[in-house]
Amino acid sequence: MELALVLAQQVAIMFLLISVGIVCERKGIITLEAAKNFCNFLLIVIIPLLSIKSLHRDKEPELMQGFWVAFGFSVVFHIVAIVIATLAIPKREDVQYRAERLATVFSNCGFIGFPLVTAALGAEGLFYAAAFNGVFVLLSWSYSSSVLSGKTTLNFKKLLWNPGVIGFAVGMLLFFTGLRLPAIPEAVMENLYVVNAPLSMVITGVILSRIKLRETLTDWRIYRAALLRVLVIPLTVIGLAWALGIGKWSSSARIAILASVICCSCGSGISCILMPARFGGDSETGAKIVGVSTTMTLVTLPLIILLTDAIL
């Protein structure tokens, strides 16, 4: 119960920060173009550095177990999400179904998940969130480009040579080798770390402020994708974790599952707006689902964590 209350408080703070972004856009303080630039700054600089920072710690046996639990959970989650999205959202003549599938599969585990995990579970939780995010960054480029382009072939150089994967790889190298960064680079990461939560929320608000409310509220497909994202898929993988009794393996496994559940229960990721824009897809549909699913998490996320905390 205490964890759910902490998370509910953080979700409320998150929505207030998003509201700041909405007001700033409507008052002309931050333009949509500026928000996209800041979004790239977060994706290319901040999120990779967060992965490095969270993995930059001593290799303890319990942490190792929790790391692989979170990593394995993320693999299973994304496989389940892709299968459910493919079955629940069939192909149509229009290309909107592609954005719907992306928004169903990919959560906002970096922009929103990382700050929430840090607030609720501390540095250890963030460590496991980074493990979850490692699978996310790989699939967000490979699966997204495949769905949006309609091609099954992948450019592995572009797939592996991107900031998210590089940041995770560097963090893994530091963790498994025991290497330590000098004090100054570590201090730089500490300073940039505090930027993530407020800037992510404000920029999310700027992007959401441009959504056409009437069109969004009358499109049942938006609700379908949003409900799949914040309820159906998280509850499916939570059920699998409960059936396997993973939360009872150790205290680190339990925290790893909680961190992973927070990450996978967030609304649709901002990448569902950026990726369609990059590959010539329908970014407007992605933005609508991001808006609706993010709003839903005000209720669904604390309830899901309360359930997970109770059954683990």
C-alpha atoms as a PDB file:
ATOM      1  CA  MET A   1       0.000   0.000   0.000  1.00  0.00           C
ATOM      2  CA  GLU A   2       2.803   2.431   0.895  1.00  0.00           C
ATOM      3  CA  LEU A   3       4.495   1.881  -2.472  1.00  0.00           C
ATOM      4  CA  ALA A   4       1.216   2.518  -4.324  1.00  0.00           C
ATOM      5  CA  LEU A   5       0.675   5.743  -2.345  1.00  0.00           C
ATOM      6  CA  VAL A   6       4.193   6.955  -3.142  1.00  0.00           C
ATOM      7  CA  LEU A   7       3.624   6.156  -6.787  1.00  0.00           C
ATOM      8  CA  ALA A   8       0.204   7.864  -6.820  1.00  0.00           C
ATOM      9  CA  GLN A   9       1.841  10.994  -5.407  1.00  0.00           C
ATOM     10  CA  GLN A  10       4.557  10.881  -8.058  1.00  0.00           C
ATOM     11  CA  VAL A  11       1.990  10.351 -10.831  1.00  0.00           C
ATOM     12  CA  ALA A  12       0.110  13.425  -9.568  1.00  0.00           C
ATOM     13  CA  ILE A  13       3.365  15.438  -9.633  1.00  0.00           C
ATOM     14  CA  MET A  14       4.020  14.098 -13.127  1.00  0.00           C
ATOM     15  CA  PHE A  15       0.647  15.352 -14.359  1.00  0.00           C
ATOM     16  CA  LEU A  16       1.201  18.785 -12.820  1.00  0.00           C
ATOM     17  CA  LEU A  17       4.521  19.034 -14.653  1.00  0.00           C
ATOM     18  CA  ILE A  18       2.794  17.935 -17.874  1.00  0.00           C
ATOM     19  CA  SER A  19       0.236  20.696 -17.255  1.00  0.00           C
ATOM     20  CA  VAL A  20       3.097  23.193 -17.065  1.00  0.00           C
ATOM     21  CA  GLY A  21       4.161  22.060 -20.542  1.00  0.00           C
ATOM     22  CA  ILE A  22       0.624  22.437 -21.898  1.00  0.00           C
ATOM     23  CA  VAL A  23       0.374  25.987 -20.530  1.00  0.00           C
ATOM     24  CA  CYS A  24       3.839  26.895 -21.859  1.00  0.00           C
ATOM     25  CA  GLU A  25       2.935  25.753 -25.368  1.00  0.00           C
ATOM     26  CA  ARG A  26      -0.395  27.562 -25.406  1.00  0.00           C
ATOM     27  CA  LYS A  27       1.216  30.765 -24.139  1.00  0.00           C
ATOM     28  CA  GLY A  28       3.956  30.532 -26.762  1.00  0.00           C
ATOM     29  CA  ILE A  29       6.727  30.067 -24.189  1.00  0.00           C
ATOM     30  CA  ILE A  30       7.828  26.704 -25.665  1.00  0.00           C
ATOM     31  CA  THR A  31       7.023  25.914 -29.296  1.00  0.00           C
ATOM     32  CA  LEU A  32       6.368  22.439 -30.662  1.00  0.00           C
ATOM     33  CA  GLU A  33       9.555  22.706 -32.706  1.00  0.00           C
ATOM     34  CA  ALA A  34      11.555  23.503 -29.571  1.00  0.00           C
ATOM     35  CA  ALA A  35       9.889  20.574 -27.805  1.00  0.00           C
ATOM     36  CA  LYS A  36      11.036  18.222 -30.569  1.00  0.00           C
ATOM     37  CA  ASN A  37      14.592  19.515 -30.164  1.00  0.00           C
ATOM     38  CA  PHE A  38      14.430  18.948 -26.413  1.00  0.00           C
ATOM     39  CA  CYS A  39      12.955  15.511 -27.090  1.00  0.00           C
ATOM     40  CA  ASN A  40      15.970  14.644 -29.217  1.00  0.00           C
ATOM     41  CA  PHE A  41      18.211  15.980 -26.441  1.00  0.00           C
ATOM     42  CA  LEU A  42      16.520  13.623 -23.983  1.00  0.00           C
ATOM     43  CA  LEU A  43      16.664  10.632 -26.344  1.00  0.00           C
ATOM     44  CA  ILE A  44      20.211  11.183 -27.568  1.00  0.00           C
ATOM     45  CA  VAL A  45      21.917  12.544 -24.431  1.00  0.00           C
ATOM     46  CA  ILE A  46      19.974  12.198 -21.196  1.00  0.00           C
ATOM     47  CA  ILE A  47      18.436   8.688 -21.455  1.00  0.00           C
ATOM     48  CA  PRO A  48      21.742   7.043 -22.552  1.00  0.00           C
ATOM     49  CA  LEU A  49      23.548   8.816 -19.694  1.00  0.00           C
ATOM     50  CA  LEU A  50      20.867   7.591 -17.284  1.00  0.00           C
ATOM     51  CA  SER A  51      21.571   4.029 -18.410  1.00  0.00           C
ATOM     52  CA  ILE A  52      25.289   4.540 -17.809  1.00  0.00           C
ATOM     53  CA  LYS A  53      24.722   6.169 -14.426  1.00  0.00           C
ATOM     54  CA  SER A  54      22.328   3.513 -13.159  1.00  0.00           C
ATOM     55  CA  LEU A  55      24.645   0.657 -14.220  1.00  0.00           C
ATOM     56  CA  HIS A  56      27.756   2.394 -12.866  1.00  0.00           C
ATOM     57  CA  ARG A  57      27.923   0.480  -9.583  1.00  0.00           C
ATOM     58  CA  ASP A  58      29.506  -2.531  -7.895  1.00  0.00           C
ATOM     59  CA  LYS A  59      28.627  -5.984  -9.222  1.00  0.00           C
ATOM     60  CA  GLU A  60      26.893  -7.625  -6.273  1.00  0.00           C
ATOM     61  CA  PRO A  61      25.372 -11.160  -6.510  1.00  0.00           C
ATOM     62  CA  GLU A  62      21.856  -9.990  -5.609  1.00  0.00           C
ATOM     63  CA  LEU A  63      22.035  -7.155  -8.115  1.00  0.00           C
ATOM     64  CA  MET A  64      23.078  -9.634 -10.782  1.00  0.00           C
ATOM     65  CA  GLN A  65      20.023 -11.775 -10.129  1.00  0.00           C
ATOM     66  CA  GLY A  66      17.730  -8.757 -10.168  1.00  0.00           C
ATOM     67  CA  PHE A  67      19.360  -7.482 -13.359  1.00  0.00           C
ATOM     68  CA  TRP A  68      18.635 -10.699 -15.258  1.00  0.00           C
ATOM     69  CA  VAL A  69      15.116 -10.857 -13.819  1.00  0.00           C
ATOM     70  CA  ALA A  70      14.396  -7.338 -15.123  1.00  0.00           C
ATOM     71  CA  PHE A  71      16.082  -8.029 -18.452  1.00  0.00           C
ATOM     72  CA  GLY A  72      14.186 -11.318 -18.902  1.00  0.00           C
ATOM     73  CA  PHE A  73      10.920  -9.685 -17.837  1.00  0.00           C
ATOM     74  CA  SER A  74      11.457  -6.992 -20.478  1.00  0.00           C
ATOM     75  CA  VAL A  75      12.085  -9.584 -23.189  1.00  0.00           C
ATOM     76  CA  VAL A  76       8.903 -11.501 -22.272  1.00  0.00           C
ATOM     77  CA  PHE A  77       6.898  -8.291 -21.938  1.00  0.00           C
ATOM     78  CA  HIS A  78       7.849  -7.021 -25.388  1.00  0.00           C
ATOM     79  CA  ILE A  79       7.205 -10.405 -27.033  1.00  0.00           C
ATOM     80  CA  VAL A  80       3.768 -10.576 -25.392  1.00  0.00           C
ATOM     81  CA  ALA A  81       3.083  -6.950 -26.353  1.00  0.00           C
ATOM     82  CA  ILE A  82       3.994  -7.523 -30.014  1.00  0.00           C
ATOM     83  CA  VAL A  83       1.828 -10.650 -30.213  1.00  0.00           C
ATOM     84  CA  ILE A  84      -1.175  -8.948 -28.569  1.00  0.00           C
ATOM     85  CA  ALA A  85      -0.799  -5.800 -30.692  1.00  0.00           C
ATOM     86  CA  THR A  86      -0.602  -7.869 -33.884  1.00  0.00           C
ATOM     87  CA  LEU A  87      -3.688  -9.916 -33.000  1.00  0.00           C
ATOM     88  CA  ALA A  88      -5.798  -7.105 -31.527  1.00  0.00           C
ATOM     89  CA  ILE A  89      -4.975  -4.484 -34.175  1.00  0.00           C
ATOM     90  CA  PRO A  90      -5.365  -6.062 -37.641  1.00  0.00           C
ATOM     91  CA  LYS A  91      -3.969  -4.568 -40.824  1.00  0.00           C
ATOM     92  CA  ARG A  92      -6.129  -1.976 -42.578  1.00  0.00           C
ATOM     93  CA  GLU A  93      -5.887  -0.019 -45.795  1.00  0.00           C
ATOM     94  CA  ASP A  94      -4.910   3.126 -43.926  1.00  0.00           C
ATOM     95  CA  VAL A  95      -1.510   3.304 -42.205  1.00  0.00           C
ATOM     96  CA  GLN A  96      -2.892   4.360 -38.816  1.00  0.00           C
ATOM     97  CA  TYR A  97      -2.883   0.779 -37.575  1.00  0.00           C
ATOM     98  CA  ARG A  98       0.933   0.878 -37.671  1.00  0.00           C
ATOM     99  CA  ALA A  99       1.080   3.771 -35.221  1.00  0.00           C
ATOM    100  CA  GLU A 100      -1.558   2.026 -33.080  1.00  0.00           C
ATOM    101  CA  ARG A 101       0.593  -1.093 -32.857  1.00  0.00           C
ATOM    102  CA  LEU A 102       3.687   0.894 -31.906  1.00  0.00           C
ATOM    103  CA  ALA A 103       1.795   2.808 -29.219  1.00  0.00           C
ATOM    104  CA  THR A 104       0.460  -0.482 -27.848  1.00  0.00           C
ATOM    105  CA  VAL A 105       3.883  -2.141 -27.645  1.00  0.00           C
ATOM    106  CA  PHE A 106       6.136   0.660 -26.387  1.00  0.00           C
ATOM    107  CA  SER A 107       5.678   2.292 -22.998  1.00  0.00           C
ATOM    108  CA  ASN A 108       7.120   5.594 -21.858  1.00  0.00           C
ATOM    109  CA  CYS A 109       9.645   3.705 -19.719  1.00  0.00           C
ATOM    110  CA  GLY A 110      12.403   6.303 -20.121  1.00  0.00           C
ATOM    111  CA  PHE A 111      10.711   9.696 -19.886  1.00  0.00           C
ATOM    112  CA  ILE A 112       8.117   8.715 -17.284  1.00  0.00           C
ATOM    113  CA  GLY A 113       9.175   5.278 -16.039  1.00  0.00           C
ATOM    114  CA  PHE A 114      12.675   6.269 -14.901  1.00  0.00           C
ATOM    115  CA  PRO A 115      11.538   9.202 -12.729  1.00  0.00           C
ATOM    116  CA  LEU A 116       8.714   7.142 -11.189  1.00  0.00           C
ATOM    117  CA  VAL A 117      10.981   4.161 -10.466  1.00  0.00           C
ATOM    118  CA  THR A 118      13.590   6.436  -8.905  1.00  0.00           C
ATOM    119  CA  ALA A 119      11.012   8.100  -6.653  1.00  0.00           C
ATOM    120  CA  ALA A 120       9.383   4.815  -5.609  1.00  0.00           C
ATOM    121  CA  LEU A 121      12.325   2.390  -5.446  1.00  0.00           C
ATOM    122  CA  GLY A 122      15.496   4.476  -5.380  1.00  0.00           C
ATOM    123  CA  ALA A 123      18.842   3.755  -7.046  1.00  0.00           C
ATOM    124  CA  GLU A 124      18.403  -0.023  -7.001  1.00  0.00           C
ATOM    125  CA  GLY A 125      15.072   0.285  -8.781  1.00  0.00           C
ATOM    126  CA  LEU A 126      16.628   2.576 -11.403  1.00  0.00           C
ATOM    127  CA  PHE A 127      19.344  -0.032 -11.969  1.00  0.00           C
ATOM    128  CA  TYR A 128      16.678  -2.608 -12.851  1.00  0.00           C
ATOM    129  CA  ALA A 129      14.760  -0.059 -14.933  1.00  0.00           C
ATOM    130  CA  ALA A 130      17.936   0.396 -17.003  1.00  0.00           C
ATOM    131  CA  ALA A 131      17.986  -3.376 -17.614  1.00  0.00           C
ATOM    132  CA  PHE A 132      14.357  -3.202 -18.771  1.00  0.00           C
ATOM    133  CA  ASN A 133      15.172  -0.203 -20.967  1.00  0.00           C
ATOM    134  CA  GLY A 134      18.025  -2.069 -22.685  1.00  0.00           C
ATOM    135  CA  VAL A 135      15.546  -4.353 -24.444  1.00  0.00           C
ATOM    136  CA  PHE A 136      13.246  -1.411 -25.153  1.00  0.00           C
ATOM    137  CA  VAL A 137      15.880   0.678 -26.983  1.00  0.00           C
ATOM    138  CA  LEU A 138      16.865  -2.213 -29.206  1.00  0.00           C
ATOM    139  CA  LEU A 139      13.298  -3.083 -30.181  1.00  0.00           C
ATOM    140  CA  SER A 140      12.160   0.524 -30.469  1.00  0.00           C
ATOM    141  CA  TRP A 141      14.486   0.934 -33.450  1.00  0.00           C
ATOM    142  CA  SER A 142      14.164  -2.528 -35.013  1.00  0.00           C
ATOM    143  CA  TYR A 143      10.437  -3.199 -34.571  1.00  0.00           C
ATOM    144  CA  SER A 144       9.463   0.432 -35.226  1.00  0.00           C
ATOM    145  CA  SER A 145      11.367   0.671 -38.497  1.00  0.00           C
ATOM    146  CA  SER A 146       9.969  -2.706 -39.609  1.00  0.00           C
ATOM    147  CA  VAL A 147       6.344  -1.815 -38.825  1.00  0.00           C
ATOM    148  CA  LEU A 148       6.448   1.721 -40.188  1.00  0.00           C
ATOM    149  CA  SER A 149       8.384   0.937 -43.363  1.00  0.00           C
ATOM    150  CA  GLY A 150       6.590  -2.336 -44.037  1.00  0.00           C
ATOM    151  CA  LYS A 151       9.968  -3.998 -44.608  1.00  0.00           C
ATOM    152  CA  THR A 152      11.183  -7.113 -42.824  1.00  0.00           C
ATOM    153  CA  THR A 153      14.890  -6.456 -43.482  1.00  0.00           C
ATOM    154  CA  LEU A 154      16.823  -4.400 -40.949  1.00  0.00           C
ATOM    155  CA  ASN A 155      19.895  -2.188 -41.169  1.00  0.00           C
ATOM    156  CA  PHE A 156      21.910  -3.666 -38.303  1.00  0.00           C
ATOM    157  CA  LYS A 157      24.436  -0.838 -38.347  1.00  0.00           C
ATOM    158  CA  LYS A 158      21.697   1.724 -37.685  1.00  0.00           C
ATOM    159  CA  LEU A 159      20.010  -0.677 -35.273  1.00  0.00           C
ATOM    160  CA  LEU A 160      23.058  -1.091 -33.026  1.00  0.00           C
ATOM    161  CA  TRP A 161      24.734   2.264 -33.631  1.00  0.00           C
ATOM    162  CA  ASN A 162      22.260   4.547 -31.851  1.00  0.00           C
ATOM    163  CA  PRO A 163      22.592   6.461 -28.564  1.00  0.00           C
ATOM    164  CA  GLY A 164      20.217   4.266 -26.552  1.00  0.00           C
ATOM    165  CA  VAL A 165      22.002   1.017 -27.368  1.00  0.00           C
ATOM    166  CA  ILE A 166      25.444   2.615 -26.991  1.00  0.00           C
ATOM    167  CA  GLY A 167      24.550   4.034 -23.559  1.00  0.00           C
ATOM    168  CA  PHE A 168      23.261   0.663 -22.386  1.00  0.00           C
ATOM    169  CA  ALA A 169      26.349  -1.130 -23.765  1.00  0.00           C
ATOM    170  CA  VAL A 170      28.712   1.299 -21.997  1.00  0.00           C
ATOM    171  CA  GLY A 171      26.783   0.863 -18.754  1.00  0.00           C
ATOM    172  CA  MET A 172      26.946  -2.932 -19.096  1.00  0.00           C
ATOM    173  CA  LEU A 173      30.693  -2.736 -19.734  1.00  0.00           C
ATOM    174  CA  LEU A 174      31.234  -0.656 -16.589  1.00  0.00           C
ATOM    175  CA  PHE A 175      29.057  -2.939 -14.486  1.00  0.00           C
ATOM    176  CA  PHE A 176      30.497  -6.288 -15.568  1.00  0.00           C
ATOM    177  CA  THR A 177      34.149  -5.180 -15.663  1.00  0.00           C
ATOM    178  CA  GLY A 178      34.065  -3.110 -12.482  1.00  0.00           C
ATOM    179  CA  LEU A 179      35.609  -0.116 -14.265  1.00  0.00           C
ATOM    180  CA  ARG A 180      34.860   3.264 -12.715  1.00  0.00           C
ATOM    181  CA  LEU A 181      34.548   6.651 -14.379  1.00  0.00           C
ATOM    182  CA  PRO A 182      36.644   9.557 -13.114  1.00  0.00           C
ATOM    183  CA  ALA A 183      35.018  11.932 -10.620  1.00  0.00           C
ATOM    184  CA  ILE A 184      34.359  14.767 -13.084  1.00  0.00           C
ATOM    185  CA  PRO A 185      32.439  12.745 -15.725  1.00  0.00           C
ATOM    186  CA  GLU A 186      30.477  11.107 -12.920  1.00  0.00           C
ATOM    187  CA  ALA A 187      29.603  14.553 -11.520  1.00  0.00           C
ATOM    188  CA  VAL A 188      28.454  15.668 -14.989  1.00  0.00           C
ATOM    189  CA  MET A 189      26.116  12.663 -15.163  1.00  0.00           C
ATOM    190  CA  GLU A 190      24.782  13.466 -11.694  1.00  0.00           C
ATOM    191  CA  ASN A 191      23.959  17.018 -12.795  1.00  0.00           C
ATOM    192  CA  LEU A 192      22.294  15.924 -16.031  1.00  0.00           C
ATOM    193  CA  TYR A 193      20.371  13.203 -14.192  1.00  0.00           C
ATOM    194  CA  VAL A 194      18.215  15.749 -12.346  1.00  0.00           C
ATOM    195  CA  VAL A 195      17.135  17.259 -15.681  1.00  0.00           C
ATOM    196  CA  ASN A 196      15.361  14.111 -16.873  1.00  0.00           C
ATOM    197  CA  ALA A 197      12.177  14.085 -14.782  1.00  0.00           C
ATOM    198  CA  PRO A 198      11.022  17.732 -15.043  1.00  0.00           C
ATOM    199  CA  LEU A 199      12.129  18.254 -18.638  1.00  0.00           C
ATOM    200  CA  SER A 200      10.549  14.971 -19.792  1.00  0.00           C
ATOM    201  CA  MET A 201       7.212  15.854 -18.227  1.00  0.00           C
ATOM    202  CA  VAL A 202       7.144  19.436 -19.513  1.00  0.00           C
ATOM    203  CA  ILE A 203       8.043  18.387 -23.060  1.00  0.00           C
ATOM    204  CA  THR A 204       5.394  15.648 -22.930  1.00  0.00           C
ATOM    205  CA  GLY A 205       2.883  18.357 -22.022  1.00  0.00           C
ATOM    206  CA  VAL A 206       3.968  20.546 -24.947  1.00  0.00           C
ATOM    207  CA  ILE A 207       3.466  17.656 -27.380  1.00  0.00           C
ATOM    208  CA  LEU A 208       0.116  16.650 -25.869  1.00  0.00           C
ATOM    209  CA  SER A 209      -1.186  20.223 -26.054  1.00  0.00           C
ATOM    210  CA  ARG A 210      -1.407  19.924 -29.848  1.00  0.00           C
ATOM    211  CA  ILE A 211      -3.760  16.938 -29.814  1.00  0.00           C
ATOM    212  CA  LYS A 212      -7.182  17.532 -31.394  1.00  0.00           C
ATOM    213  CA  LEU A 213      -9.398  16.712 -28.424  1.00  0.00           C
ATOM    214  CA  ARG A 214     -12.702  16.124 -30.253  1.00  0.00           C
ATOM    215  CA  GLU A 215     -11.177  13.737 -32.799  1.00  0.00           C
ATOM    216  CA  THR A 216      -9.333  11.898 -30.046  1.00  0.00           C
ATOM    217  CA  LEU A 217     -12.321  11.414 -27.756  1.00  0.00           C
ATOM    218  CA  THR A 218     -14.541  10.046 -30.536  1.00  0.00           C
ATOM    219  CA  ASP A 219     -12.100   7.504 -31.980  1.00  0.00           C
ATOM    220  CA  TRP A 220     -12.625   4.081 -30.377  1.00  0.00           C
ATOM    221  CA  ARG A 221      -9.372   2.780 -31.865  1.00  0.00           C
ATOM    222  CA  ILE A 222      -7.452   5.249 -29.699  1.00  0.00           C
ATOM    223  CA  TYR A 223      -9.104   3.818 -26.577  1.00  0.00           C
ATOM    224  CA  ARG A 224      -8.418   0.261 -27.734  1.00  0.00           C
ATOM    225  CA  ALA A 225      -4.697   0.909 -28.129  1.00  0.00           C
ATOM    226  CA  ALA A 226      -4.534   2.862 -24.863  1.00  0.00           C
ATOM    227  CA  LEU A 227      -6.287   0.132 -22.847  1.00  0.00           C
ATOM    228  CA  LEU A 228      -4.072  -2.544 -24.349  1.00  0.00           C
ATOM    229  CA  ARG A 229      -1.046  -0.444 -23.414  1.00  0.00           C
ATOM    230  CA  VAL A 230      -1.852   0.428 -19.795  1.00  0.00           C
ATOM    231  CA  LEU A 231      -4.008  -2.524 -18.680  1.00  0.00           C
ATOM    232  CA  VAL A 232      -4.208  -5.654 -20.842  1.00  0.00           C
ATOM    233  CA  ILE A 233      -0.509  -6.191 -21.593  1.00  0.00           C
ATOM    234  CA  PRO A 234       0.834  -5.232 -18.123  1.00  0.00           C
ATOM    235  CA  LEU A 235      -1.727  -7.462 -16.387  1.00  0.00           C
ATOM    236  CA  THR A 236      -0.858 -10.348 -18.727  1.00  0.00           C
ATOM    237  CA  VAL A 237       2.861 -10.270 -17.896  1.00  0.00           C
ATOM    238  CA  ILE A 238       2.173  -9.646 -14.195  1.00  0.00           C
ATOM    239  CA  GLY A 239       0.071 -12.807 -14.243  1.00  0.00           C
ATOM    240  CA  LEU A 240       2.986 -14.709 -15.778  1.00  0.00           C
ATOM    241  CA  ALA A 241       5.388 -13.371 -13.124  1.00  0.00           C
ATOM    242  CA  TRP A 242       2.955 -14.346 -10.366  1.00  0.00           C
ATOM    243  CA  ALA A 243       2.452 -17.841 -11.807  1.00  0.00           C
ATOM    244  CA  LEU A 244       6.226 -18.376 -11.864  1.00  0.00           C
ATOM    245  CA  GLY A 245       6.602 -16.995  -8.328  1.00  0.00           C
ATOM    246  CA  ILE A 246       9.459 -14.724  -9.415  1.00  0.00           C
ATOM    247  CA  GLY A 247       8.819 -12.149  -6.685  1.00  0.00           C
ATOM    248  CA  LYS A 248       9.554 -14.789  -4.033  1.00  0.00           C
ATOM    249  CA  TRP A 249      12.988 -15.715  -5.389  1.00  0.00           C
ATOM    250  CA  SER A 250      14.754 -12.946  -3.454  1.00  0.00           C
ATOM    251  CA  SER A 251      14.356  -9.323  -2.363  1.00  0.00           C
ATOM    252  CA  SER A 252      16.287  -8.155  -5.441  1.00  0.00           C
ATOM    253  CA  ALA A 253      14.011 -10.176  -7.747  1.00  0.00           C
ATOM    254  CA  ARG A 254      10.976  -8.607  -6.116  1.00  0.00           C
ATOM    255  CA  ILE A 255      12.290  -5.051  -6.557  1.00  0.00           C
ATOM    256  CA  ALA A 256      13.297  -5.888 -10.142  1.00  0.00           C
ATOM    257  CA  ILE A 257       9.750  -7.036 -10.924  1.00  0.00           C
ATOM    258  CA  LEU A 258       8.239  -3.924  -9.308  1.00  0.00           C
ATOM    259  CA  ALA A 259      10.589  -1.649 -11.267  1.00  0.00           C
ATOM    260  CA  SER A 260       9.794  -3.521 -14.483  1.00  0.00           C
ATOM    261  CA  VAL A 261       6.045  -3.359 -13.843  1.00  0.00           C
ATOM    262  CA  ILE A 262       6.241   0.421 -13.361  1.00  0.00           C
ATOM    263  CA  CYS A 263       8.140   0.697 -16.656  1.00  0.00           C
ATOM    264  CA  CYS A 264       5.758  -1.534 -18.620  1.00  0.00           C
ATOM    265  CA  SER A 265       2.593   0.059 -17.163  1.00  0.00           C
ATOM    266  CA  CYS A 266       3.350   3.618 -18.285  1.00  0.00           C
ATOM    267  CA  GLY A 267       1.441   5.218 -21.133  1.00  0.00           C
ATOM    268  CA  SER A 268       2.636   5.018 -24.729  1.00  0.00           C
ATOM    269  CA  GLY A 269       6.145   6.306 -25.319  1.00  0.00           C
ATOM    270  CA  ILE A 270       7.061   9.569 -26.997  1.00  0.00           C
ATOM    271  CA  SER A 271       8.950   7.409 -29.510  1.00  0.00           C
ATOM    272  CA  CYS A 272       5.488   6.558 -30.898  1.00  0.00           C
ATOM    273  CA  ILE A 273       5.395  10.168 -32.081  1.00  0.00           C
ATOM    274  CA  LEU A 274       9.052  10.541 -33.069  1.00  0.00           C
ATOM    275  CA  MET A 275       9.490   7.233 -34.923  1.00  0.00           C
ATOM    276  CA  PRO A 276       6.511   7.729 -37.287  1.00  0.00           C
ATOM    277  CA  ALA A 277       7.791  11.240 -37.994  1.00  0.00           C
ATOM    278  CA  ARG A 278      11.260   9.821 -38.753  1.00  0.00           C
ATOM    279  CA  PHE A 279       9.973   7.021 -41.026  1.00  0.00           C
ATOM    280  CA  GLY A 280       7.145   8.938 -42.680  1.00  0.00           C
ATOM    281  CA  GLY A 281       4.324   7.388 -40.666  1.00  0.00           C
ATOM    282  CA  ASP A 282       1.286   8.758 -38.841  1.00  0.00           C
ATOM    283  CA  SER A 283       2.662  10.676 -35.845  1.00  0.00           C
ATOM    284  CA  GLU A 284      -0.697  12.327 -35.092  1.00  0.00           C
ATOM    285  CA  THR A 285      -2.311   8.991 -34.193  1.00  0.00           C
ATOM    286  CA  GLY A 286       0.673   8.214 -31.976  1.00  0.00           C
ATOM    287  CA  ALA A 287       0.264  11.558 -30.213  1.00  0.00           C
ATOM    288  CA  LYS A 288      -3.422  10.898 -29.547  1.00  0.00           C
ATOM    289  CA  ILE A 289      -2.711   7.490 -28.002  1.00  0.00           C
ATOM    290  CA  VAL A 290       0.126   8.954 -25.931  1.00  0.00           C
ATOM    291  CA  GLY A 291      -2.289  11.564 -24.581  1.00  0.00           C
ATOM    292  CA  VAL A 292      -5.125   9.166 -23.734  1.00  0.00           C
ATOM    293  CA  SER A 293      -2.915   6.399 -22.323  1.00  0.00           C
ATOM    294  CA  THR A 294      -0.868   8.841 -20.226  1.00  0.00           C
ATOM    295  CA  THR A 295      -4.066  10.276 -18.763  1.00  0.00           C
ATOM    296  CA  MET A 296      -5.320   6.774 -17.957  1.00  0.00           C
ATOM    297  CA  THR A 297      -2.191   6.023 -15.935  1.00  0.00           C
ATOM    298  CA  LEU A 298      -3.284   8.541 -13.333  1.00  0.00           C
ATOM    299  CA  VAL A 299      -5.684   5.790 -12.209  1.00  0.00           C
ATOM    300  CA  THR A 300      -4.310   2.564 -13.670  1.00  0.00           C
ATOM    301  CA  LEU A 301      -0.644   2.796 -12.663  1.00  0.00           C
ATOM    302  CA  PRO A 302      -1.118   3.061  -8.865  1.00  0.00           C
ATOM    303  CA  LEU A 303      -3.761   0.300  -8.989  1.00  0.00           C
ATOM    304  CA  ILE A 304      -1.487  -2.024 -10.982  1.00  0.00           C
ATOM    305  CA  ILE A 305       1.399  -1.453  -8.580  1.00  0.00           C
ATOM    306  CA  LEU A 306      -0.920  -2.029  -5.608  1.00  0.00           C
ATOM    307  CA  LEU A 307      -1.982  -5.342  -7.163  1.00  0.00           C
ATOM    308  CA  THR A 308       1.592  -6.340  -8.002  1.00  0.00           C
ATOM    309  CA  ASP A 309       2.845  -5.439  -4.542  1.00  0.00           C
ATOM    310  CA  ALA A 310       0.082  -7.538  -2.986  1.00  0.00           C
ATOM    311  CA  ILE A 311       0.490 -10.727  -5.043  1.00  0.00           C
ATOM    312  CA  LEU A 312       4.281 -10.936  -5.326  1.00  0.00           C
END
